[in-house]
Amino acid sequence: MDHHHHEEKRRVWITGASSGIGYALAERMAGQGDNVSISARSADKLNELASASGNIDAFPLDVSVREDVHKTIDAIEAQAPIDVAILNAGAWALMDADQMDVAKIRTGLEVNYMGVIYAIEKLIPLMRERGGGHIAIMASVAGFRGLPRSMAYGPTKAALINLAETLKPELEQFGIHVSVINPGFVDTPATRDNPFPMPDLITADEAARYIAEGIDKQKVEIIFPWRFALIMKLLRILPNRPFYWAMRRIMGR
């Protein structure tokens, strides 16, 4: 049963909505009565999702192109003000230090980090003028500490967690809520090829439920699944010696 009946329809914008968590989240939020604007590079997948629901509109977009991000926000705002922006687009690549692919690292930075920057650059003044809004940034528990083979991914997520922490106290003065979303392992196209065990793997639908509920509660940090999240939280405060000992053990496998 869905108990989230909102007094008014919210306008929700979700980036990275053509697959994985973004896709599941668009379906869930449209299903609970929100008006959902979806963006991603794949117009076909977006249109397919939009045609399945009267509550979903497609706005194809590459978040790493600043002008396009701004134009897309203008186009959505022409329909209705964005109440909740879920900045979820992400690029992911496993990488070893001795096989660096700088192009992939740059893409990760442009999509994961600058993609969020371009969106909030445009959204903050709009939401500030209205005296409200909610910005949810998709980070990851991989941003808590450096994990093996994560050099093209983890640092961008660490930057996003830091960004959310920086923005929150300032933006709350204008009535703008900031949430940071830190999922553990979710079964999506991004994680299918991972060559390592993924403890507490959950489905994209489960992830979407955690996120939708966390946004309704305006949680500062939306972190799940709880067991794995707790391990990662502990890893964050673990002193260096035991931390690096554990990482060496993992890499030695």
Protein backbone atom coordinates (compact mmCIF):
# COMPACT_ATOMS: atom_id res chain seq x y z
CA MET A 1 0.00 0.00 0.00
CA ASP A 2 1.17 3.50 -0.75
CA HIS A 3 0.37 6.00 1.95
CA HIS A 4 2.18 8.92 0.36
CA HIS A 5 -0.73 10.92 -0.96
CA HIS A 6 0.56 14.43 -1.30
CA GLU A 7 -1.73 17.40 -0.75
CA GLU A 8 -0.52 18.84 -4.02
CA LYS A 9 1.14 17.21 -7.00
CA ARG A 10 4.86 17.76 -6.86
CA ARG A 11 7.00 18.36 -9.93
CA VAL A 12 9.96 16.00 -9.64
CA TRP A 13 12.94 16.06 -12.01
CA ILE A 14 15.11 12.92 -12.19
CA THR A 15 18.36 12.73 -14.17
CA GLY A 16 19.89 9.40 -15.19
CA ALA A 17 16.34 8.08 -15.51
CA SER A 18 16.78 5.72 -18.47
CA SER A 19 17.90 2.73 -16.37
CA GLY A 20 18.67 1.45 -12.89
CA ILE A 21 17.72 3.47 -9.83
CA GLY A 22 16.57 6.55 -11.79
CA TYR A 23 14.18 4.49 -13.89
CA ALA A 24 12.70 2.66 -10.88
CA LEU A 25 12.38 5.94 -9.02
CA ALA A 26 10.54 7.64 -11.90
CA GLU A 27 8.05 4.74 -12.02
CA ARG A 28 7.52 4.80 -8.26
CA MET A 29 7.07 8.56 -7.92
CA ALA A 30 4.77 8.79 -10.94
CA GLY A 31 2.80 5.92 -9.43
CA GLN A 32 2.35 7.81 -6.17
CA GLY A 33 0.92 10.81 -8.05
CA ASP A 34 3.91 13.07 -8.63
CA ASN A 35 4.48 14.75 -12.00
CA VAL A 36 7.86 13.40 -13.05
CA SER A 37 10.18 14.94 -15.63
CA ILE A 38 12.88 12.48 -16.66
CA SER A 39 16.25 13.12 -18.28
CA ALA A 40 19.04 10.93 -19.67
CA ARG A 41 20.95 10.68 -22.92
CA SER A 42 18.81 7.83 -24.27
CA ALA A 43 15.69 9.46 -25.79
CA ASP A 44 14.25 6.06 -26.79
CA LYS A 45 14.25 4.64 -23.27
CA LEU A 46 12.89 7.89 -21.82
CA ASN A 47 10.03 8.06 -24.33
CA GLU A 48 9.19 4.42 -23.64
CA LEU A 49 8.96 5.16 -19.92
CA ALA A 50 6.99 8.38 -20.50
CA SER A 51 4.48 6.70 -22.79
CA ALA A 52 3.71 4.14 -20.06
CA SER A 53 2.52 6.84 -17.62
CA GLY A 54 0.45 10.00 -17.89
CA ASN A 55 2.54 11.47 -15.06
CA ILE A 56 5.92 11.26 -16.84
CA ASP A 57 7.46 13.66 -19.38
CA ALA A 58 10.74 13.02 -21.19
CA PHE A 59 13.51 15.61 -21.53
CA PRO A 60 16.56 13.99 -23.16
CA LEU A 61 19.80 15.47 -21.86
CA ASP A 62 23.54 14.94 -21.47
CA VAL A 63 24.19 16.41 -18.01
CA SER A 64 27.83 17.10 -18.84
CA VAL A 65 26.79 19.90 -21.26
CA ARG A 66 26.14 23.02 -19.22
CA GLU A 67 23.92 24.89 -21.73
CA ASP A 68 21.78 21.80 -22.25
CA VAL A 69 21.26 21.35 -18.51
CA HIS A 70 20.11 24.97 -18.23
CA LYS A 71 17.84 24.71 -21.29
CA THR A 72 16.26 21.53 -19.95
CA ILE A 73 15.52 23.15 -16.59
CA ASP A 74 13.95 26.11 -18.43
CA ALA A 75 11.79 23.73 -20.48
CA ILE A 76 10.59 21.85 -17.38
CA GLU A 77 10.00 25.08 -15.44
CA ALA A 78 7.88 26.38 -18.34
CA GLN A 79 5.43 23.57 -17.44
CA ALA A 80 5.68 23.80 -13.66
CA PRO A 81 8.25 24.77 -11.02
CA ILE A 82 10.59 21.94 -10.00
CA ASP A 83 9.80 21.03 -6.39
CA VAL A 84 12.24 18.12 -6.10
CA ALA A 85 15.38 17.63 -8.21
CA ILE A 86 16.96 14.18 -7.95
CA LEU A 87 20.40 14.49 -9.54
CA ASN A 88 21.15 10.87 -10.20
CA ALA A 89 23.04 10.70 -13.52
CA GLY A 90 26.28 8.80 -13.08
CA ALA A 91 29.21 7.36 -15.00
CA TRP A 92 30.95 4.32 -13.60
CA ALA A 93 34.19 2.54 -14.51
CA LEU A 94 36.42 0.18 -12.57
CA MET A 95 40.06 1.11 -12.90
CA ASP A 96 43.45 0.00 -11.65
CA ALA A 97 46.14 2.58 -10.91
CA ASP A 98 48.53 0.98 -13.41
CA GLN A 99 45.89 1.09 -16.18
CA MET A 100 44.65 4.63 -15.89
CA ASP A 101 42.22 5.87 -18.49
CA VAL A 102 42.22 9.63 -18.05
CA ALA A 103 39.37 10.10 -20.55
CA LYS A 104 37.14 7.89 -18.39
CA ILE A 105 38.21 9.72 -15.23
CA ARG A 106 37.33 13.03 -16.88
CA THR A 107 33.94 11.68 -17.99
CA GLY A 108 33.24 10.57 -14.42
CA LEU A 109 34.05 14.04 -13.16
CA GLU A 110 32.00 15.79 -15.87
CA VAL A 111 28.93 13.59 -15.44
CA ASN A 112 28.91 12.80 -11.72
CA TYR A 113 30.19 16.08 -10.31
CA MET A 114 29.90 18.87 -12.89
CA GLY A 115 26.52 17.50 -14.00
CA VAL A 116 25.24 18.22 -10.49
CA ILE A 117 26.97 21.62 -10.40
CA TYR A 118 25.37 22.73 -13.69
CA ALA A 119 21.93 21.74 -12.37
CA ILE A 120 22.19 23.41 -8.97
CA GLU A 121 23.73 26.54 -10.52
CA LYS A 122 20.40 27.02 -12.29
CA LEU A 123 18.08 25.61 -9.60
CA ILE A 124 19.31 27.48 -6.52
CA PRO A 125 18.23 30.98 -7.67
CA LEU A 126 14.85 29.64 -8.90
CA MET A 127 14.13 27.80 -5.64
CA ARG A 128 15.43 30.67 -3.55
CA GLU A 129 13.05 33.06 -5.28
CA ARG A 130 10.14 30.70 -4.54
CA GLY A 131 11.28 30.17 -0.96
CA GLY A 132 11.45 26.42 -1.26
CA GLY A 133 12.52 23.27 -3.03
CA HIS A 134 14.41 20.04 -2.48
CA ILE A 135 17.70 19.04 -4.09
CA ALA A 136 18.72 15.38 -3.73
CA ILE A 137 22.22 14.43 -4.82
CA MET A 138 23.10 10.84 -5.72
CA ALA A 139 26.43 10.03 -4.10
CA SER A 140 27.47 6.58 -2.85
CA VAL A 141 29.00 4.84 0.14
CA ALA A 142 32.00 4.58 -2.23
CA GLY A 143 32.55 8.25 -1.39
CA PHE A 144 33.17 7.54 2.31
CA ARG A 145 36.66 6.10 1.88
CA GLY A 146 38.87 5.06 -1.02
CA LEU A 147 37.95 1.56 -2.17
CA PRO A 148 39.94 -0.74 -4.48
CA ARG A 149 39.64 -0.01 -8.23
CA SER A 150 37.39 3.01 -7.61
CA MET A 151 39.67 5.82 -8.76
CA ALA A 152 37.37 6.86 -11.62
CA TYR A 153 34.28 6.84 -9.40
CA GLY A 154 34.81 7.11 -5.64
CA PRO A 155 36.52 10.53 -5.67
CA THR A 156 33.58 12.09 -7.56
CA LYS A 157 31.20 10.68 -4.96
CA ALA A 158 33.39 11.94 -2.11
CA ALA A 159 33.22 15.36 -3.77
CA LEU A 160 29.40 15.18 -3.97
CA ILE A 161 29.07 14.24 -0.29
CA ASN A 162 31.30 17.19 0.61
CA LEU A 163 29.26 19.44 -1.72
CA ALA A 164 25.96 18.43 -0.10
CA GLU A 165 27.43 19.07 3.37
CA THR A 166 28.65 22.49 2.20
CA LEU A 167 25.31 23.48 0.66
CA LYS A 168 22.88 22.25 3.30
CA PRO A 169 23.33 24.85 6.08
CA GLU A 170 23.41 27.69 3.58
CA LEU A 171 20.45 26.61 1.46
CA GLU A 172 18.20 25.74 4.39
CA GLN A 173 18.13 29.47 5.19
CA PHE A 174 16.17 29.90 1.94
CA GLY A 175 13.85 26.99 2.67
CA ILE A 176 15.70 24.69 0.26
CA HIS A 177 16.21 21.13 1.52
CA VAL A 178 19.35 19.22 0.58
CA SER A 179 19.58 15.43 0.72
CA VAL A 180 22.54 13.22 -0.10
CA ILE A 181 21.72 9.68 -1.23
CA ASN A 182 24.32 7.02 -0.37
CA PRO A 183 23.29 3.61 -1.69
CA GLY A 184 25.21 0.43 -1.11
CA PHE A 185 25.22 -2.18 -3.89
CA VAL A 186 22.18 -2.03 -6.16
CA ASP A 187 21.55 -4.49 -8.98
CA THR A 188 21.68 -2.19 -12.04
CA PRO A 189 23.44 -2.19 -15.43
CA ALA A 190 26.29 -0.27 -13.73
CA THR A 191 27.05 -3.05 -11.23
CA ARG A 192 26.31 -6.19 -13.33
CA ASP A 193 29.92 -6.60 -14.45
CA ASN A 194 31.52 -6.09 -11.03
CA PRO A 195 34.10 -8.88 -10.61
CA PHE A 196 33.86 -8.88 -6.82
CA PRO A 197 31.25 -10.04 -4.29
CA MET A 198 28.57 -7.43 -3.53
CA PRO A 199 27.23 -7.91 0.00
CA ASP A 200 23.58 -7.00 0.68
CA LEU A 201 22.83 -6.46 -3.01
CA ILE A 202 19.32 -4.98 -3.41
CA THR A 203 17.07 -4.40 -6.43
CA ALA A 204 16.58 -1.02 -8.10
CA ASP A 205 12.94 -1.11 -6.96
CA GLU A 206 14.00 -1.52 -3.33
CA ALA A 207 16.46 1.36 -3.74
CA ALA A 208 13.71 3.51 -5.25
CA ARG A 209 11.46 2.82 -2.26
CA TYR A 210 14.17 3.87 0.22
CA ILE A 211 14.83 7.04 -1.78
CA ALA A 212 11.18 8.03 -2.28
CA GLU A 213 10.48 7.54 1.44
CA GLY A 214 13.63 9.44 2.43
CA ILE A 215 12.66 12.36 0.20
CA ASP A 216 9.14 12.43 1.68
CA LYS A 217 10.74 12.66 5.14
CA GLN A 218 13.23 15.28 3.88
CA LYS A 219 16.08 13.24 5.32
CA VAL A 220 19.52 14.83 5.12
CA GLU A 221 21.18 11.50 4.33
CA ILE A 222 19.33 8.68 2.62
CA ILE A 223 21.54 5.63 3.16
CA PHE A 224 20.66 1.97 2.54
CA PRO A 225 20.58 -1.02 2.89
CA TRP A 226 21.14 -0.53 6.62
CA ARG A 227 23.54 -3.42 7.39
CA PHE A 228 26.01 -2.62 4.63
CA ALA A 229 25.52 1.12 5.29
CA LEU A 230 26.53 0.59 8.91
CA ILE A 231 29.72 -1.24 7.86
CA MET A 232 30.59 1.65 5.51
CA LYS A 233 29.85 4.23 8.22
CA LEU A 234 32.25 2.38 10.52
CA LEU A 235 34.85 2.23 7.74
CA ARG A 236 34.58 6.03 7.49
CA ILE A 237 35.67 6.50 11.12
CA LEU A 238 38.14 3.60 11.20
CA PRO A 239 41.72 4.78 11.90
CA ASN A 240 44.20 4.50 9.03
CA ARG A 241 46.09 1.42 10.17
CA PRO A 242 43.16 -0.99 10.43
CA PHE A 243 41.56 0.59 7.34
CA TYR A 244 44.57 -0.03 5.09
CA TRP A 245 45.04 -3.50 6.58
CA ALA A 246 41.45 -4.33 5.57
CA MET A 247 41.93 -2.91 2.05
CA ARG A 248 45.10 -4.98 1.56
CA ARG A 249 43.16 -8.07 2.62
CA ILE A 250 40.43 -7.31 0.07
CA MET A 251 42.97 -6.68 -2.70
CA GLY A 252 44.90 -9.84 -1.87
CA ARG A 253 41.91 -12.00 -2.77
